[in-house]
């Protein structure tokens, strides 16, 4: 495995349901990433989060897992880049 941490900027829109923020952050941690920066605001009845994560694992796996959370409406990497192939 690569010993160098990579940094990724992500954007996520999710519901204001109780515990939604905790579930989102727990998924990031469990998938082997660390949140370096988090900006959260309420827009149109949803939370809009912009955050920077670092980690050695494949970002495509994290995006896929976040997208499966029932509270998540959208999640994407910024700027839009081709996702790396996961081994």
Foldseek 3Di string as FASTA:
>chain_A
DDPDKDKWKKKWKFAPPPCPVVVLQVLCVVVFKDWPDWDWDDDPRIIIIITMIIGDAFVVVSLVVSVPPPGTPHMATPPHDDGDDHD
